[in-house]
Amino acid sequence: MRITKEVLRAKVNNINGQLGLDTHKFVLNYAYEGVRLCRETNEHGGCQDISERMTKGEMAKVLDAMYNAIVAAHMVANEK
């Protein structure tokens, strides 16, 4: 499967949704033929780097791992 910007955007939206984030959301920053995961720090567009710059394929794997960890944490929390 080809990893596009739309695929990555959907993965980030899923993560933000699972965490219930309306502000200080995770966003993607594209530059120099790569993509970096960032987190919004304010409403004026400032963001903090979360990851190094990588390819879209590598970023897809990172986002999948983040999503799976969040879902697993929710499942463990609900078991107690």
PDB file of N, CA and C in Angstrom:
ATOM      1  N   MET A   1       0.844  -1.185   0.000  1.00  0.00           N
ATOM      2  CA  MET A   1       0.000   0.000   0.000  1.00  0.00           C
ATOM      3  C   MET A   1       0.885   1.244   0.000  1.00  0.00           C
ATOM      4  N   ARG A   2       0.555   2.170  -0.850  1.00  0.00           N
ATOM      5  CA  ARG A   2       1.310   3.418  -0.935  1.00  0.00           C
ATOM      6  C   ARG A   2       0.875   4.340   0.202  1.00  0.00           C
ATOM      7  N   ILE A   3       1.851   4.878   0.904  1.00  0.00           N
ATOM      8  CA  ILE A   3       1.572   5.794   2.013  1.00  0.00           C
ATOM      9  C   ILE A   3       1.541   7.219   1.469  1.00  0.00           C
ATOM     10  N   THR A   4       0.392   7.861   1.577  1.00  0.00           N
ATOM     11  CA  THR A   4       0.220   9.227   1.094  1.00  0.00           C
ATOM     12  C   THR A   4       0.039  10.171   2.281  1.00  0.00           C
ATOM     13  N   LYS A   5       0.045  11.450   1.993  1.00  0.00           N
ATOM     14  CA  LYS A   5      -0.208  12.442   3.039  1.00  0.00           C
ATOM     15  C   LYS A   5      -1.581  12.241   3.663  1.00  0.00           C
ATOM     16  N   GLU A   6      -2.555  11.847   2.838  1.00  0.00           N
ATOM     17  CA  GLU A   6      -3.915  11.633   3.342  1.00  0.00           C
ATOM     18  C   GLU A   6      -3.961  10.459   4.325  1.00  0.00           C
ATOM     19  N   VAL A   7      -3.215   9.401   4.024  1.00  0.00           N
ATOM     20  CA  VAL A   7      -3.159   8.244   4.921  1.00  0.00           C
ATOM     21  C   VAL A   7      -2.552   8.656   6.260  1.00  0.00           C
ATOM     22  N   LEU A   8      -1.450   9.398   6.208  1.00  0.00           N
ATOM     23  CA  LEU A   8      -0.801   9.851   7.446  1.00  0.00           C
ATOM     24  C   LEU A   8      -1.711  10.799   8.227  1.00  0.00           C
ATOM     25  N   ARG A   9      -2.407  11.689   7.520  1.00  0.00           N
ATOM     26  CA  ARG A   9      -3.317  12.625   8.179  1.00  0.00           C
ATOM     27  C   ARG A   9      -4.424  11.866   8.912  1.00  0.00           C
ATOM     28  N   ALA A  10      -4.944  10.814   8.288  1.00  0.00           N
ATOM     29  CA  ALA A  10      -5.990  10.002   8.921  1.00  0.00           C
ATOM     30  C   ALA A  10      -5.461   9.310  10.172  1.00  0.00           C
ATOM     31  N   LYS A  11      -4.229   8.819  10.122  1.00  0.00           N
ATOM     32  CA  LYS A  11      -3.635   8.166  11.290  1.00  0.00           C
ATOM     33  C   LYS A  11      -3.472   9.159  12.440  1.00  0.00           C
ATOM     34  N   VAL A  12      -3.015  10.372  12.140  1.00  0.00           N
ATOM     35  CA  VAL A  12      -2.860  11.398  13.174  1.00  0.00           C
ATOM     36  C   VAL A  12      -4.221  11.792  13.742  1.00  0.00           C
ATOM     37  N   ASN A  13      -5.225  11.912  12.884  1.00  0.00           N
ATOM     38  CA  ASN A  13      -6.578  12.236  13.361  1.00  0.00           C
ATOM     39  C   ASN A  13      -7.108  11.144  14.284  1.00  0.00           C
ATOM     40  N   ASN A  14      -6.814   9.876  13.980  1.00  0.00           N
ATOM     41  CA  ASN A  14      -7.223   8.775  14.848  1.00  0.00           C
ATOM     42  C   ASN A  14      -6.557   8.869  16.219  1.00  0.00           C
ATOM     43  N   ILE A  15      -5.278   9.204  16.235  1.00  0.00           N
ATOM     44  CA  ILE A  15      -4.559   9.346  17.506  1.00  0.00           C
ATOM     45  C   ILE A  15      -5.146  10.498  18.312  1.00  0.00           C
ATOM     46  N   ASN A  16      -5.342  11.644  17.667  1.00  0.00           N
ATOM     47  CA  ASN A  16      -5.922  12.794  18.367  1.00  0.00           C
ATOM     48  C   ASN A  16      -7.310  12.460  18.897  1.00  0.00           C
ATOM     49  N   GLY A  17      -8.097  11.710  18.123  1.00  0.00           N
ATOM     50  CA  GLY A  17      -9.435  11.315  18.548  1.00  0.00           C
ATOM     51  C   GLY A  17      -9.403  10.378  19.748  1.00  0.00           C
ATOM     52  N   GLN A  18      -8.507   9.402  19.729  1.00  0.00           N
ATOM     53  CA  GLN A  18      -8.397   8.461  20.844  1.00  0.00           C
ATOM     54  C   GLN A  18      -7.994   9.171  22.125  1.00  0.00           C
ATOM     55  N   LEU A  19      -7.172  10.201  21.998  1.00  0.00           N
ATOM     56  CA  LEU A  19      -6.717  10.953  23.170  1.00  0.00           C
ATOM     57  C   LEU A  19      -7.683  12.069  23.553  1.00  0.00           C
ATOM     58  N   GLY A  20      -8.689  12.335  22.706  1.00  0.00           N
ATOM     59  CA  GLY A  20      -9.657  13.388  22.989  1.00  0.00           C
ATOM     60  C   GLY A  20      -9.059  14.780  22.936  1.00  0.00           C
ATOM     61  N   LEU A  21      -8.110  14.978  22.035  1.00  0.00           N
ATOM     62  CA  LEU A  21      -7.412  16.267  21.949  1.00  0.00           C
ATOM     63  C   LEU A  21      -8.154  17.239  21.040  1.00  0.00           C
ATOM     64  N   ASP A  22      -8.495  18.404  21.585  1.00  0.00           N
ATOM     65  CA  ASP A  22      -9.045  19.498  20.785  1.00  0.00           C
ATOM     66  C   ASP A  22      -7.989  20.583  20.591  1.00  0.00           C
ATOM     67  N   THR A  23      -7.142  20.734  21.583  1.00  0.00           N
ATOM     68  CA  THR A  23      -6.018  21.669  21.497  1.00  0.00           C
ATOM     69  C   THR A  23      -4.740  20.883  21.752  1.00  0.00           C
ATOM     70  N   HIS A  24      -3.635  21.452  21.402  1.00  0.00           N
ATOM     71  CA  HIS A  24      -2.328  20.800  21.558  1.00  0.00           C
ATOM     72  C   HIS A  24      -2.308  19.436  20.878  1.00  0.00           C
ATOM     73  N   LYS A  25      -2.890  19.394  19.677  1.00  0.00           N
ATOM     74  CA  LYS A  25      -2.995  18.161  18.909  1.00  0.00           C
ATOM     75  C   LYS A  25      -1.663  17.811  18.254  1.00  0.00           C
ATOM     76  N   PHE A  26      -1.558  16.542  17.855  1.00  0.00           N
ATOM     77  CA  PHE A  26      -0.433  16.109  17.038  1.00  0.00           C
ATOM     78  C   PHE A  26      -0.686  16.545  15.607  1.00  0.00           C
ATOM     79  N   VAL A  27       0.359  17.000  14.937  1.00  0.00           N
ATOM     80  CA  VAL A  27       0.283  17.429  13.543  1.00  0.00           C
ATOM     81  C   VAL A  27       1.514  16.924  12.805  1.00  0.00           C
ATOM     82  N   LEU A  28       1.449  16.936  11.490  1.00  0.00           N
ATOM     83  CA  LEU A  28       2.583  16.535  10.664  1.00  0.00           C
ATOM     84  C   LEU A  28       3.202  17.751  10.006  1.00  0.00           C
ATOM     85  N   ASN A  29       4.522  17.754   9.917  1.00  0.00           N
ATOM     86  CA  ASN A  29       5.262  18.837   9.298  1.00  0.00           C
ATOM     87  C   ASN A  29       6.073  18.236   8.157  1.00  0.00           C
ATOM     88  N   TYR A  30       5.830  18.717   6.945  1.00  0.00           N
ATOM     89  CA  TYR A  30       6.523  18.207   5.765  1.00  0.00           C
ATOM     90  C   TYR A  30       7.580  19.198   5.310  1.00  0.00           C
ATOM     91  N   ALA A  31       8.803  18.707   5.104  1.00  0.00           N
ATOM     92  CA  ALA A  31       9.875  19.539   4.564  1.00  0.00           C
ATOM     93  C   ALA A  31      11.041  18.654   4.156  1.00  0.00           C
ATOM     94  N   TYR A  32      11.780  19.111   3.165  1.00  0.00           N
ATOM     95  CA  TYR A  32      13.000  18.424   2.736  1.00  0.00           C
ATOM     96  C   TYR A  32      12.770  16.947   2.439  1.00  0.00           C
ATOM     97  N   GLU A  33      11.692  16.639   1.720  1.00  0.00           N
ATOM     98  CA  GLU A  33      11.391  15.276   1.290  1.00  0.00           C
ATOM     99  C   GLU A  33      11.092  14.327   2.444  1.00  0.00           C
ATOM    100  N   GLY A  34      10.757  14.860   3.602  1.00  0.00           N
ATOM    101  CA  GLY A  34      10.450  14.007   4.745  1.00  0.00           C
ATOM    102  C   GLY A  34       9.288  14.562   5.545  1.00  0.00           C
ATOM    103  N   VAL A  35       8.938  13.836   6.589  1.00  0.00           N
ATOM    104  CA  VAL A  35       7.825  14.231   7.440  1.00  0.00           C
ATOM    105  C   VAL A  35       8.261  14.092   8.892  1.00  0.00           C
ATOM    106  N   ARG A  36       7.766  14.988   9.732  1.00  0.00           N
ATOM    107  CA  ARG A  36       8.098  14.995  11.153  1.00  0.00           C
ATOM    108  C   ARG A  36       6.804  15.129  11.942  1.00  0.00           C
ATOM    109  N   LEU A  37       6.701  14.399  13.051  1.00  0.00           N
ATOM    110  CA  LEU A  37       5.556  14.506  13.940  1.00  0.00           C
ATOM    111  C   LEU A  37       5.817  15.633  14.926  1.00  0.00           C
ATOM    112  N   CYS A  38       4.842  16.521  15.068  1.00  0.00           N
ATOM    113  CA  CYS A  38       4.945  17.662  15.980  1.00  0.00           C
ATOM    114  C   CYS A  38       3.686  17.724  16.840  1.00  0.00           C
ATOM    115  N   ARG A  39       3.752  18.528  17.891  1.00  0.00           N
ATOM    116  CA  ARG A  39       2.586  18.760  18.734  1.00  0.00           C
ATOM    117  C   ARG A  39       2.382  20.251  18.835  1.00  0.00           C
ATOM    118  N   GLU A  40       1.151  20.709  18.579  1.00  0.00           N
ATOM    119  CA  GLU A  40       0.830  22.130  18.675  1.00  0.00           C
ATOM    120  C   GLU A  40       1.049  22.592  20.110  1.00  0.00           C
ATOM    121  N   THR A  41       1.684  23.745  20.255  1.00  0.00           N
ATOM    122  CA  THR A  41       1.933  24.274  21.601  1.00  0.00           C
ATOM    123  C   THR A  41       1.059  25.474  21.918  1.00  0.00           C
ATOM    124  N   ASN A  42       0.519  26.114  20.888  1.00  0.00           N
ATOM    125  CA  ASN A  42      -0.376  27.247  21.128  1.00  0.00           C
ATOM    126  C   ASN A  42      -1.277  27.457  19.914  1.00  0.00           C
ATOM    127  N   GLU A  43      -2.218  28.353  20.070  1.00  0.00           N
ATOM    128  CA  GLU A  43      -3.192  28.589  18.995  1.00  0.00           C
ATOM    129  C   GLU A  43      -2.629  29.429  17.852  1.00  0.00           C
ATOM    130  N   HIS A  44      -1.392  29.903  17.973  1.00  0.00           N
ATOM    131  CA  HIS A  44      -0.783  30.746  16.940  1.00  0.00           C
ATOM    132  C   HIS A  44       0.079  29.954  15.966  1.00  0.00           C
ATOM    133  N   GLY A  45       0.057  28.627  16.084  1.00  0.00           N
ATOM    134  CA  GLY A  45       0.780  27.804  15.120  1.00  0.00           C
ATOM    135  C   GLY A  45       2.123  27.288  15.588  1.00  0.00           C
ATOM    136  N   GLY A  46       2.505  27.581  16.815  1.00  0.00           N
ATOM    137  CA  GLY A  46       3.759  27.057  17.329  1.00  0.00           C
ATOM    138  C   GLY A  46       3.667  25.553  17.529  1.00  0.00           C
ATOM    139  N   CYS A  47       4.774  24.848  17.275  1.00  0.00           N
ATOM    140  CA  CYS A  47       4.742  23.410  17.503  1.00  0.00           C
ATOM    141  C   CYS A  47       6.084  22.906  18.003  1.00  0.00           C
ATOM    142  N   GLN A  48       6.009  21.818  18.742  1.00  0.00           N
ATOM    143  CA  GLN A  48       7.175  21.168  19.332  1.00  0.00           C
ATOM    144  C   GLN A  48       7.453  19.888  18.551  1.00  0.00           C
ATOM    145  N   ASP A  49       8.719  19.665  18.180  1.00  0.00           N
ATOM    146  CA  ASP A  49       9.075  18.444  17.461  1.00  0.00           C
ATOM    147  C   ASP A  49       8.954  17.246  18.396  1.00  0.00           C
ATOM    148  N   ILE A  50       8.286  16.211  17.920  1.00  0.00           N
ATOM    149  CA  ILE A  50       8.155  14.965  18.670  1.00  0.00           C
ATOM    150  C   ILE A  50       9.079  13.906  18.081  1.00  0.00           C
ATOM    151  N   SER A  51       9.229  13.907  16.773  1.00  0.00           N
ATOM    152  CA  SER A  51      10.066  12.898  16.120  1.00  0.00           C
ATOM    153  C   SER A  51      11.117  13.567  15.244  1.00  0.00           C
ATOM    154  N   GLU A  52      12.046  12.755  14.816  1.00  0.00           N
ATOM    155  CA  GLU A  52      13.001  13.170  13.796  1.00  0.00           C
ATOM    156  C   GLU A  52      12.289  13.168  12.445  1.00  0.00           C
ATOM    157  N   ARG A  53      12.899  13.779  11.459  1.00  0.00           N
ATOM    158  CA  ARG A  53      12.348  13.736  10.105  1.00  0.00           C
ATOM    159  C   ARG A  53      12.594  12.345   9.538  1.00  0.00           C
ATOM    160  N   MET A  54      11.597  11.780   8.864  1.00  0.00           N
ATOM    161  CA  MET A  54      11.699  10.434   8.313  1.00  0.00           C
ATOM    162  C   MET A  54      10.840  10.324   7.062  1.00  0.00           C
ATOM    163  N   THR A  55      10.871   9.170   6.437  1.00  0.00           N
ATOM    164  CA  THR A  55      10.045   8.951   5.245  1.00  0.00           C
ATOM    165  C   THR A  55       8.596   8.731   5.672  1.00  0.00           C
ATOM    166  N   LYS A  56       7.696   8.821   4.700  1.00  0.00           N
ATOM    167  CA  LYS A  56       6.275   8.600   4.995  1.00  0.00           C
ATOM    168  C   LYS A  56       6.027   7.171   5.462  1.00  0.00           C
ATOM    169  N   GLY A  57       6.735   6.216   4.899  1.00  0.00           N
ATOM    170  CA  GLY A  57       6.579   4.823   5.306  1.00  0.00           C
ATOM    171  C   GLY A  57       7.009   4.605   6.750  1.00  0.00           C
ATOM    172  N   GLU A  58       8.138   5.209   7.122  1.00  0.00           N
ATOM    173  CA  GLU A  58       8.601   5.104   8.511  1.00  0.00           C
ATOM    174  C   GLU A  58       7.625   5.790   9.458  1.00  0.00           C
ATOM    175  N   MET A  59       7.103   6.945   9.055  1.00  0.00           N
ATOM    176  CA  MET A  59       6.154   7.669   9.903  1.00  0.00           C
ATOM    177  C   MET A  59       4.879   6.856  10.093  1.00  0.00           C
ATOM    178  N   ALA A  60       4.425   6.174   9.057  1.00  0.00           N
ATOM    179  CA  ALA A  60       3.227   5.344   9.172  1.00  0.00           C
ATOM    180  C   ALA A  60       3.424   4.284  10.246  1.00  0.00           C
ATOM    181  N   LYS A  61       4.600   3.688  10.314  1.00  0.00           N
ATOM    182  CA  LYS A  61       4.890   2.676  11.331  1.00  0.00           C
ATOM    183  C   LYS A  61       4.907   3.287  12.730  1.00  0.00           C
ATOM    184  N   VAL A  62       5.484   4.470  12.868  1.00  0.00           N
ATOM    185  CA  VAL A  62       5.507   5.159  14.164  1.00  0.00           C
ATOM    186  C   VAL A  62       4.091   5.488  14.624  1.00  0.00           C
ATOM    187  N   LEU A  63       3.277   6.009  13.720  1.00  0.00           N
ATOM    188  CA  LEU A  63       1.897   6.369  14.069  1.00  0.00           C
ATOM    189  C   LEU A  63       1.073   5.135  14.420  1.00  0.00           C
ATOM    190  N   ASP A  64       1.288   4.031  13.693  1.00  0.00           N
ATOM    191  CA  ASP A  64       0.589   2.790  14.024  1.00  0.00           C
ATOM    192  C   ASP A  64       0.971   2.318  15.426  1.00  0.00           C
ATOM    193  N   ALA A  65       2.250   2.401  15.754  1.00  0.00           N
ATOM    194  CA  ALA A  65       2.708   1.986  17.083  1.00  0.00           C
ATOM    195  C   ALA A  65       2.099   2.869  18.168  1.00  0.00           C
ATOM    196  N   MET A  66       2.051   4.175  17.937  1.00  0.00           N
ATOM    197  CA  MET A  66       1.440   5.089  18.904  1.00  0.00           C
ATOM    198  C   MET A  66      -0.027   4.751  19.110  1.00  0.00           C
ATOM    199  N   TYR A  67      -0.752   4.553  18.015  1.00  0.00           N
ATOM    200  CA  TYR A  67      -2.184   4.254  18.098  1.00  0.00           C
ATOM    201  C   TYR A  67      -2.417   2.950  18.862  1.00  0.00           C
ATOM    202  N   ASN A  68      -1.643   1.922  18.526  1.00  0.00           N
ATOM    203  CA  ASN A  68      -1.803   0.630  19.193  1.00  0.00           C
ATOM    204  C   ASN A  68      -1.499   0.731  20.685  1.00  0.00           C
ATOM    205  N   ALA A  69      -0.492   1.509  21.060  1.00  0.00           N
ATOM    206  CA  ALA A  69      -0.164   1.693  22.472  1.00  0.00           C
ATOM    207  C   ALA A  69      -1.290   2.416  23.209  1.00  0.00           C
ATOM    208  N   ILE A  70      -1.881   3.408  22.579  1.00  0.00           N
ATOM    209  CA  ILE A  70      -2.994   4.148  23.199  1.00  0.00           C
ATOM    210  C   ILE A  70      -4.195   3.238  23.395  1.00  0.00           C
ATOM    211  N   VAL A  71      -4.533   2.467  22.368  1.00  0.00           N
ATOM    212  CA  VAL A  71      -5.667   1.548  22.464  1.00  0.00           C
ATOM    213  C   VAL A  71      -5.411   0.503  23.547  1.00  0.00           C
ATOM    214  N   ALA A  72      -4.196  -0.042  23.607  1.00  0.00           N
ATOM    215  CA  ALA A  72      -3.861  -1.035  24.625  1.00  0.00           C
ATOM    216  C   ALA A  72      -3.962  -0.434  26.023  1.00  0.00           C
ATOM    217  N   ALA A  73      -3.500   0.791  26.191  1.00  0.00           N
ATOM    218  CA  ALA A  73      -3.581   1.452  27.495  1.00  0.00           C
ATOM    219  C   ALA A  73      -5.032   1.658  27.914  1.00  0.00           C
ATOM    220  N   HIS A  74      -5.888   2.010  26.975  1.00  0.00           N
ATOM    221  CA  HIS A  74      -7.318   2.167  27.274  1.00  0.00           C
ATOM    222  C   HIS A  74      -7.939   0.830  27.675  1.00  0.00           C
ATOM    223  N   MET A  75      -7.538  -0.237  27.006  1.00  0.00           N
ATOM    224  CA  MET A  75      -8.069  -1.564  27.318  1.00  0.00           C
ATOM    225  C   MET A  75      -7.654  -2.003  28.720  1.00  0.00           C
ATOM    226  N   VAL A  76      -6.389  -1.771  29.069  1.00  0.00           N
ATOM    227  CA  VAL A  76      -5.904  -2.134  30.405  1.00  0.00           C
ATOM    228  C   VAL A  76      -6.615  -1.308  31.459  1.00  0.00           C
ATOM    229  N   ALA A  77      -6.802  -0.025  31.194  1.00  0.00           N
ATOM    230  CA  ALA A  77      -7.466   0.849  32.161  1.00  0.00           C
ATOM    231  C   ALA A  77      -8.918   0.424  32.382  1.00  0.00           C
ATOM    232  N   ASN A  78      -9.565  -0.061  31.338  1.00  0.00           N
ATOM    233  CA  ASN A  78     -10.963  -0.481  31.448  1.00  0.00           C
ATOM    234  C   ASN A  78     -11.128  -1.831  32.135  1.00  0.00           C
ATOM    235  N   GLU A  79     -10.056  -2.637  32.188  1.00  0.00           N
ATOM    236  CA  GLU A  79     -10.121  -3.931  32.845  1.00  0.00           C
ATOM    237  C   GLU A  79     -10.165  -3.802  34.358  1.00  0.00           C
ATOM    238  N   LYS A  80      -9.599  -2.738  34.881  1.00  0.00           N
ATOM    239  CA  LYS A  80      -9.490  -2.580  36.345  1.00  0.00           C
ATOM    240  C   LYS A  80     -10.785  -2.159  36.963  1.00  0.00           C
TER     241      LYS A  80
END
